[in-house]
């Protein structure tokens, strides 16, 4: 998967007349192999472990480039910070549920919710072209006192909800 994403990135660079550089490659590799919903600051910190010479502006510009190429999606949750997740043409649609205490973000997919949204749109005379759902609440770890610091969103895949 990483190799295919890197090939798509390299092709997108060529199409834009840009060169593949060691710093861009390091940033893209860390992004594609890292956690979902990463901020520029998070990615910068992770990339600096691999290549200490990479600057913040380079990370920011590379994320912007990944977004323009369709390889990253920018998300804005209630914390006001832009977060990015890798995208794939084959990636299925998913929604998010976010803990208001620790910031944990969980991706989920529910066919039942998708069907209900379509029914509502038809009832109201709409054809849905796109949507974004974000649910907010308190996760079980925070409710039970098992988490005391902000969570880093660990990739768990998209959880199906029936």
C-alpha atoms as a PDB file:
ATOM      1  CA  UNK A   1       0.000   0.000   0.000  1.00  0.00           C
ATOM      2  CA  UNK A   2       2.801   2.446   0.902  1.00  0.00           C
ATOM      3  CA  UNK A   3       4.595   1.734  -2.353  1.00  0.00           C
ATOM      4  CA  UNK A   4       1.450   2.327  -4.415  1.00  0.00           C
ATOM      5  CA  UNK A   5       0.760   5.602  -2.614  1.00  0.00           C
ATOM      6  CA  UNK A   6       4.339   6.764  -3.122  1.00  0.00           C
ATOM      7  CA  UNK A   7       4.088   5.929  -6.833  1.00  0.00           C
ATOM      8  CA  UNK A   8       0.890   7.968  -7.103  1.00  0.00           C
ATOM      9  CA  UNK A   9       2.614  10.852  -5.297  1.00  0.00           C
ATOM     10  CA  UNK A  10       5.651  10.705  -7.595  1.00  0.00           C
ATOM     11  CA  UNK A  11       3.391  10.684 -10.650  1.00  0.00           C
ATOM     12  CA  UNK A  12       1.423  13.669  -9.316  1.00  0.00           C
ATOM     13  CA  UNK A  13       4.695  15.541  -8.801  1.00  0.00           C
ATOM     14  CA  UNK A  14       5.781  14.813 -12.389  1.00  0.00           C
ATOM     15  CA  UNK A  15       2.389  15.962 -13.716  1.00  0.00           C
ATOM     16  CA  UNK A  16       2.923  19.282 -11.923  1.00  0.00           C
ATOM     17  CA  UNK A  17       6.498  19.652 -13.145  1.00  0.00           C
ATOM     18  CA  UNK A  18       7.869  19.178  -9.633  1.00  0.00           C
ATOM     19  CA  UNK A  19      10.800  17.048  -8.574  1.00  0.00           C
ATOM     20  CA  UNK A  20      10.770  14.268  -6.049  1.00  0.00           C
ATOM     21  CA  UNK A  21      13.084  15.313  -3.213  1.00  0.00           C
ATOM     22  CA  UNK A  22      14.349  13.361  -0.235  1.00  0.00           C
ATOM     23  CA  UNK A  23      12.464  15.671   2.151  1.00  0.00           C
ATOM     24  CA  UNK A  24       9.161  15.381   0.232  1.00  0.00           C
ATOM     25  CA  UNK A  25       9.600  11.618   0.092  1.00  0.00           C
ATOM     26  CA  UNK A  26      10.308  11.389   3.831  1.00  0.00           C
ATOM     27  CA  UNK A  27       7.228  13.489   4.612  1.00  0.00           C
ATOM     28  CA  UNK A  28       4.986  11.439   2.313  1.00  0.00           C
ATOM     29  CA  UNK A  29       6.290   8.118   3.662  1.00  0.00           C
ATOM     30  CA  UNK A  30       5.713   9.161   7.273  1.00  0.00           C
ATOM     31  CA  UNK A  31       2.258  10.498   6.395  1.00  0.00           C
ATOM     32  CA  UNK A  32       1.175   7.392   4.474  1.00  0.00           C
ATOM     33  CA  UNK A  33       2.481   4.968   7.089  1.00  0.00           C
ATOM     34  CA  UNK A  34       1.418   6.944  10.135  1.00  0.00           C
ATOM     35  CA  UNK A  35      -1.719   7.581  12.112  1.00  0.00           C
ATOM     36  CA  UNK A  36      -4.937   8.868  10.646  1.00  0.00           C
ATOM     37  CA  UNK A  37      -6.077  12.439  11.369  1.00  0.00           C
ATOM     38  CA  UNK A  38      -2.633  13.966  11.788  1.00  0.00           C
ATOM     39  CA  UNK A  39      -2.067  17.696  12.236  1.00  0.00           C
ATOM     40  CA  UNK A  40       0.808  19.562  10.582  1.00  0.00           C
ATOM     41  CA  UNK A  41       2.482  19.733  14.014  1.00  0.00           C
ATOM     42  CA  UNK A  42       2.059  15.979  14.571  1.00  0.00           C
ATOM     43  CA  UNK A  43       3.488  15.156  11.150  1.00  0.00           C
ATOM     44  CA  UNK A  44       6.359  17.621  11.594  1.00  0.00           C
ATOM     45  CA  UNK A  45       7.326  15.975  14.896  1.00  0.00           C
ATOM     46  CA  UNK A  46       7.182  12.485  13.351  1.00  0.00           C
ATOM     47  CA  UNK A  47       9.145  13.481  10.237  1.00  0.00           C
ATOM     48  CA  UNK A  48      11.870  15.154  12.319  1.00  0.00           C
ATOM     49  CA  UNK A  49      12.587  11.754  13.902  1.00  0.00           C
ATOM     50  CA  UNK A  50      13.342  10.428  10.403  1.00  0.00           C
ATOM     51  CA  UNK A  51      14.967  13.529   8.943  1.00  0.00           C
ATOM     52  CA  UNK A  52      15.917  16.297  11.394  1.00  0.00           C
ATOM     53  CA  UNK A  53      16.685  18.711   8.520  1.00  0.00           C
ATOM     54  CA  UNK A  54      13.039  18.947   7.379  1.00  0.00           C
ATOM     55  CA  UNK A  55      11.474  22.322   8.118  1.00  0.00           C
ATOM     56  CA  UNK A  56       7.944  23.084   9.228  1.00  0.00           C
ATOM     57  CA  UNK A  57       7.150  25.010   6.038  1.00  0.00           C
ATOM     58  CA  UNK A  58       8.232  22.036   3.917  1.00  0.00           C
ATOM     59  CA  UNK A  59       5.890  19.747   5.858  1.00  0.00           C
ATOM     60  CA  UNK A  60       3.050  22.250   5.444  1.00  0.00           C
ATOM     61  CA  UNK A  61       3.644  22.681   1.690  1.00  0.00           C
ATOM     62  CA  UNK A  62       3.950  18.924   1.146  1.00  0.00           C
ATOM     63  CA  UNK A  63       0.668  18.276   2.971  1.00  0.00           C
ATOM     64  CA  UNK A  64      -0.964  20.952   0.818  1.00  0.00           C
ATOM     65  CA  UNK A  65       0.452  19.239  -2.264  1.00  0.00           C
ATOM     66  CA  UNK A  66      -0.810  15.819  -1.099  1.00  0.00           C
ATOM     67  CA  UNK A  67      -4.245  17.375  -0.651  1.00  0.00           C
ATOM     68  CA  UNK A  68      -4.171  18.971  -4.121  1.00  0.00           C
ATOM     69  CA  UNK A  69      -3.180  15.599  -5.600  1.00  0.00           C
ATOM     70  CA  UNK A  70      -6.125  13.884  -3.922  1.00  0.00           C
ATOM     71  CA  UNK A  71      -3.855  11.791  -1.703  1.00  0.00           C
ATOM     72  CA  UNK A  72      -4.858  13.548   1.530  1.00  0.00           C
ATOM     73  CA  UNK A  73      -8.112  14.944   2.838  1.00  0.00           C
ATOM     74  CA  UNK A  74      -8.232  17.901   5.193  1.00  0.00           C
ATOM     75  CA  UNK A  75     -10.638  17.640   8.110  1.00  0.00           C
ATOM     76  CA  UNK A  76     -11.673  20.249  10.650  1.00  0.00           C
ATOM     77  CA  UNK A  77     -13.097  18.970  13.909  1.00  0.00           C
ATOM     78  CA  UNK A  78     -14.229  21.043  16.906  1.00  0.00           C
ATOM     79  CA  UNK A  79     -10.686  21.652  18.148  1.00  0.00           C
ATOM     80  CA  UNK A  80     -10.214  24.058  15.216  1.00  0.00           C
ATOM     81  CA  UNK A  81      -7.004  22.417  14.062  1.00  0.00           C
ATOM     82  CA  UNK A  82      -6.719  21.129  10.502  1.00  0.00           C
ATOM     83  CA  UNK A  83      -6.095  17.400  10.445  1.00  0.00           C
ATOM     84  CA  UNK A  84      -5.233  15.252   7.463  1.00  0.00           C
ATOM     85  CA  UNK A  85      -5.932  11.665   6.562  1.00  0.00           C
ATOM     86  CA  UNK A  86      -4.637   9.649   3.638  1.00  0.00           C
ATOM     87  CA  UNK A  87      -7.181   9.009   0.918  1.00  0.00           C
ATOM     88  CA  UNK A  88      -7.398   6.326  -1.692  1.00  0.00           C
ATOM     89  CA  UNK A  89      -9.630   5.977  -4.709  1.00  0.00           C
ATOM     90  CA  UNK A  90     -10.758   2.678  -3.213  1.00  0.00           C
ATOM     91  CA  UNK A  91     -11.329   4.050   0.294  1.00  0.00           C
ATOM     92  CA  UNK A  92     -14.934   3.709   1.345  1.00  0.00           C
ATOM     93  CA  UNK A  93     -16.853   6.606   2.749  1.00  0.00           C
ATOM     94  CA  UNK A  94     -16.679   6.866   6.520  1.00  0.00           C
ATOM     95  CA  UNK A  95     -17.843   9.139   9.292  1.00  0.00           C
ATOM     96  CA  UNK A  96     -16.199  10.169  12.562  1.00  0.00           C
ATOM     97  CA  UNK A  97     -16.996  10.114  16.261  1.00  0.00           C
ATOM     98  CA  UNK A  98     -14.800  12.324  18.425  1.00  0.00           C
ATOM     99  CA  UNK A  99     -14.239  12.347  22.185  1.00  0.00           C
ATOM    100  CA  UNK A 100     -14.676  15.856  23.562  1.00  0.00           C
ATOM    101  CA  UNK A 101     -12.308  15.183  26.471  1.00  0.00           C
ATOM    102  CA  UNK A 102      -9.281  13.405  25.023  1.00  0.00           C
ATOM    103  CA  UNK A 103      -9.726  14.113  21.316  1.00  0.00           C
ATOM    104  CA  UNK A 104      -9.805  10.457  20.265  1.00  0.00           C
ATOM    105  CA  UNK A 105     -11.178  10.143  16.720  1.00  0.00           C
ATOM    106  CA  UNK A 106     -12.804   6.906  15.575  1.00  0.00           C
ATOM    107  CA  UNK A 107     -13.818   6.269  11.986  1.00  0.00           C
ATOM    108  CA  UNK A 108     -16.952   4.242  11.381  1.00  0.00           C
ATOM    109  CA  UNK A 109     -19.220   3.199   8.573  1.00  0.00           C
ATOM    110  CA  UNK A 110     -22.902   2.377   8.885  1.00  0.00           C
ATOM    111  CA  UNK A 111     -24.851   1.228   5.846  1.00  0.00           C
ATOM    112  CA  UNK A 112     -28.051   1.773   7.833  1.00  0.00           C
ATOM    113  CA  UNK A 113     -27.178   5.441   8.432  1.00  0.00           C
ATOM    114  CA  UNK A 114     -26.245   5.893   4.766  1.00  0.00           C
ATOM    115  CA  UNK A 115     -29.612   4.454   3.665  1.00  0.00           C
ATOM    116  CA  UNK A 116     -31.472   6.657   6.167  1.00  0.00           C
ATOM    117  CA  UNK A 117     -29.684   9.761   4.889  1.00  0.00           C
ATOM    118  CA  UNK A 118     -30.673   8.878   1.318  1.00  0.00           C
ATOM    119  CA  UNK A 119     -34.299   8.365   2.378  1.00  0.00           C
ATOM    120  CA  UNK A 120     -34.349  11.733   4.149  1.00  0.00           C
ATOM    121  CA  UNK A 121     -32.816  13.480   1.135  1.00  0.00           C
ATOM    122  CA  UNK A 122     -35.381  11.915  -1.244  1.00  0.00           C
ATOM    123  CA  UNK A 123     -38.236  12.821   1.112  1.00  0.00           C
ATOM    124  CA  UNK A 124     -37.043  16.435   1.129  1.00  0.00           C
ATOM    125  CA  UNK A 125     -36.544  16.476  -2.643  1.00  0.00           C
ATOM    126  CA  UNK A 126     -32.740  16.381  -2.642  1.00  0.00           C
ATOM    127  CA  UNK A 127     -30.134  14.303  -4.402  1.00  0.00           C
ATOM    128  CA  UNK A 128     -27.111  14.029  -2.094  1.00  0.00           C
ATOM    129  CA  UNK A 129     -23.789  14.790  -3.753  1.00  0.00           C
ATOM    130  CA  UNK A 130     -21.688  14.491  -0.595  1.00  0.00           C
ATOM    131  CA  UNK A 131     -21.925  14.682   3.167  1.00  0.00           C
ATOM    132  CA  UNK A 132     -19.815  14.679   6.292  1.00  0.00           C
ATOM    133  CA  UNK A 133     -20.971  13.375   9.644  1.00  0.00           C
ATOM    134  CA  UNK A 134     -19.189  14.037  12.905  1.00  0.00           C
ATOM    135  CA  UNK A 135     -20.561  12.816  16.198  1.00  0.00           C
ATOM    136  CA  UNK A 136     -19.196  14.211  19.468  1.00  0.00           C
ATOM    137  CA  UNK A 137     -19.335  12.699  22.935  1.00  0.00           C
ATOM    138  CA  UNK A 138     -17.225  11.180  25.704  1.00  0.00           C
ATOM    139  CA  UNK A 139     -15.438   7.886  25.000  1.00  0.00           C
ATOM    140  CA  UNK A 140     -15.680   4.942  27.375  1.00  0.00           C
ATOM    141  CA  UNK A 141     -12.032   5.339  28.490  1.00  0.00           C
ATOM    142  CA  UNK A 142     -12.682   8.930  29.616  1.00  0.00           C
ATOM    143  CA  UNK A 143     -16.027   8.084  31.212  1.00  0.00           C
ATOM    144  CA  UNK A 144     -14.358   5.312  33.205  1.00  0.00           C
ATOM    145  CA  UNK A 145     -11.304   7.412  34.103  1.00  0.00           C
ATOM    146  CA  UNK A 146      -8.839   5.276  32.172  1.00  0.00           C
ATOM    147  CA  UNK A 147      -7.465   8.137  30.082  1.00  0.00           C
ATOM    148  CA  UNK A 148      -5.890  11.259  31.502  1.00  0.00           C
ATOM    149  CA  UNK A 149      -4.125  12.817  28.513  1.00  0.00           C
ATOM    150  CA  UNK A 150      -5.205  13.762  25.011  1.00  0.00           C
ATOM    151  CA  UNK A 151      -5.408  10.760  22.750  1.00  0.00           C
ATOM    152  CA  UNK A 152      -3.431  10.297  19.596  1.00  0.00           C
ATOM    153  CA  UNK A 153      -5.736   8.839  17.014  1.00  0.00           C
ATOM    154  CA  UNK A 154      -4.485   5.315  16.419  1.00  0.00           C
ATOM    155  CA  UNK A 155      -5.523   3.712  13.163  1.00  0.00           C
ATOM    156  CA  UNK A 156      -7.985   0.927  13.819  1.00  0.00           C
ATOM    157  CA  UNK A 157      -9.535   0.773  10.408  1.00  0.00           C
ATOM    158  CA  UNK A 158     -13.094   1.747   9.769  1.00  0.00           C
ATOM    159  CA  UNK A 159     -15.412   0.184  12.269  1.00  0.00           C
ATOM    160  CA  UNK A 160     -18.692  -1.046  10.855  1.00  0.00           C
ATOM    161  CA  UNK A 161     -21.792  -0.139  12.821  1.00  0.00           C
ATOM    162  CA  UNK A 162     -24.908  -2.193  12.271  1.00  0.00           C
END
